[in-house]
């Protein structure tokens, strides 16, 4: 997926240099959508996702009321 994202960015760059702004903006928009999709897939994938301990919420043992 990163290859497609970078190919779209390259196409946007080349189209922008050649003066074709509308297709360049379309490629840039598609590249952004691909990058966001890839980011969300990597974060939320149970097999390939990143483990970020600072974002994980765990239920710790609660202290009973009236103690402590």
Protein backbone atom coordinates (compact mmCIF):
# COMPACT_ATOMS: atom_id res chain seq x y z
CA UNK A 1 0.00 0.00 0.00
CA UNK A 2 2.89 2.38 0.64
CA UNK A 3 4.06 1.82 -2.93
CA UNK A 4 0.70 2.93 -4.27
CA UNK A 5 0.70 5.94 -1.94
CA UNK A 6 4.15 7.03 -3.11
CA UNK A 7 3.22 6.38 -6.76
CA UNK A 8 0.22 8.68 -6.36
CA UNK A 9 2.43 11.32 -4.76
CA UNK A 10 4.90 11.03 -7.63
CA UNK A 11 2.08 11.29 -10.16
CA UNK A 12 0.77 14.40 -8.39
CA UNK A 13 4.26 15.94 -8.50
CA UNK A 14 4.76 15.18 -12.19
CA UNK A 15 1.27 16.39 -13.10
CA UNK A 16 1.81 19.55 -11.09
CA UNK A 17 5.08 20.26 -12.89
CA UNK A 18 3.44 19.72 -16.25
CA UNK A 19 0.74 22.28 -15.47
CA UNK A 20 -2.17 19.87 -15.04
CA UNK A 21 -3.37 21.02 -11.65
CA UNK A 22 -6.74 19.25 -11.43
CA UNK A 23 -5.37 15.73 -11.97
CA UNK A 24 -2.47 16.60 -9.65
CA UNK A 25 -4.87 17.62 -6.89
CA UNK A 26 -6.91 14.47 -7.47
CA UNK A 27 -3.77 12.32 -7.12
CA UNK A 28 -2.79 14.22 -3.99
CA UNK A 29 -6.25 13.66 -2.51
CA UNK A 30 -6.15 9.94 -3.34
CA UNK A 31 -2.67 9.70 -1.84
CA UNK A 32 -3.94 11.28 1.39
CA UNK A 33 -6.86 8.84 1.54
CA UNK A 34 -4.46 5.91 1.00
CA UNK A 35 -2.10 7.18 3.73
CA UNK A 36 -4.94 7.59 6.23
CA UNK A 37 -6.27 4.13 5.37
CA UNK A 38 -2.84 2.59 5.80
CA UNK A 39 -2.34 4.35 9.14
CA UNK A 40 -5.69 3.15 10.47
CA UNK A 41 -5.07 -0.39 9.22
CA UNK A 42 -1.68 -0.53 10.95
CA UNK A 43 -3.01 0.86 14.21
CA UNK A 44 -6.15 -1.26 14.50
CA UNK A 45 -4.94 -4.51 12.95
CA UNK A 46 -4.74 -7.24 15.63
CA UNK A 47 -1.98 -9.04 13.71
CA UNK A 48 0.10 -6.18 12.33
CA UNK A 49 -0.92 -3.30 14.59
CA UNK A 50 1.48 -1.27 16.64
CA UNK A 51 1.42 -1.86 20.37
CA UNK A 52 1.28 1.47 22.13
CA UNK A 53 1.36 0.87 25.88
CA UNK A 54 0.75 4.54 26.65
CA UNK A 55 -2.66 4.30 24.93
CA UNK A 56 -3.73 0.99 26.43
CA UNK A 57 -6.29 1.03 29.21
CA UNK A 58 -6.28 -1.82 31.70
CA UNK A 59 -8.57 -2.48 34.61
CA UNK A 60 -6.47 -2.62 37.75
CA UNK A 61 -7.55 -4.15 41.02
CA UNK A 62 -9.90 -1.72 42.70
CA UNK A 63 -9.50 -0.93 46.37
CA UNK A 64 -12.73 -1.78 48.26
CA UNK A 65 -14.71 1.21 49.51
CA UNK A 66 -13.75 2.43 52.97
CA UNK A 67 -10.18 1.09 52.85
CA UNK A 68 -7.24 3.30 52.18
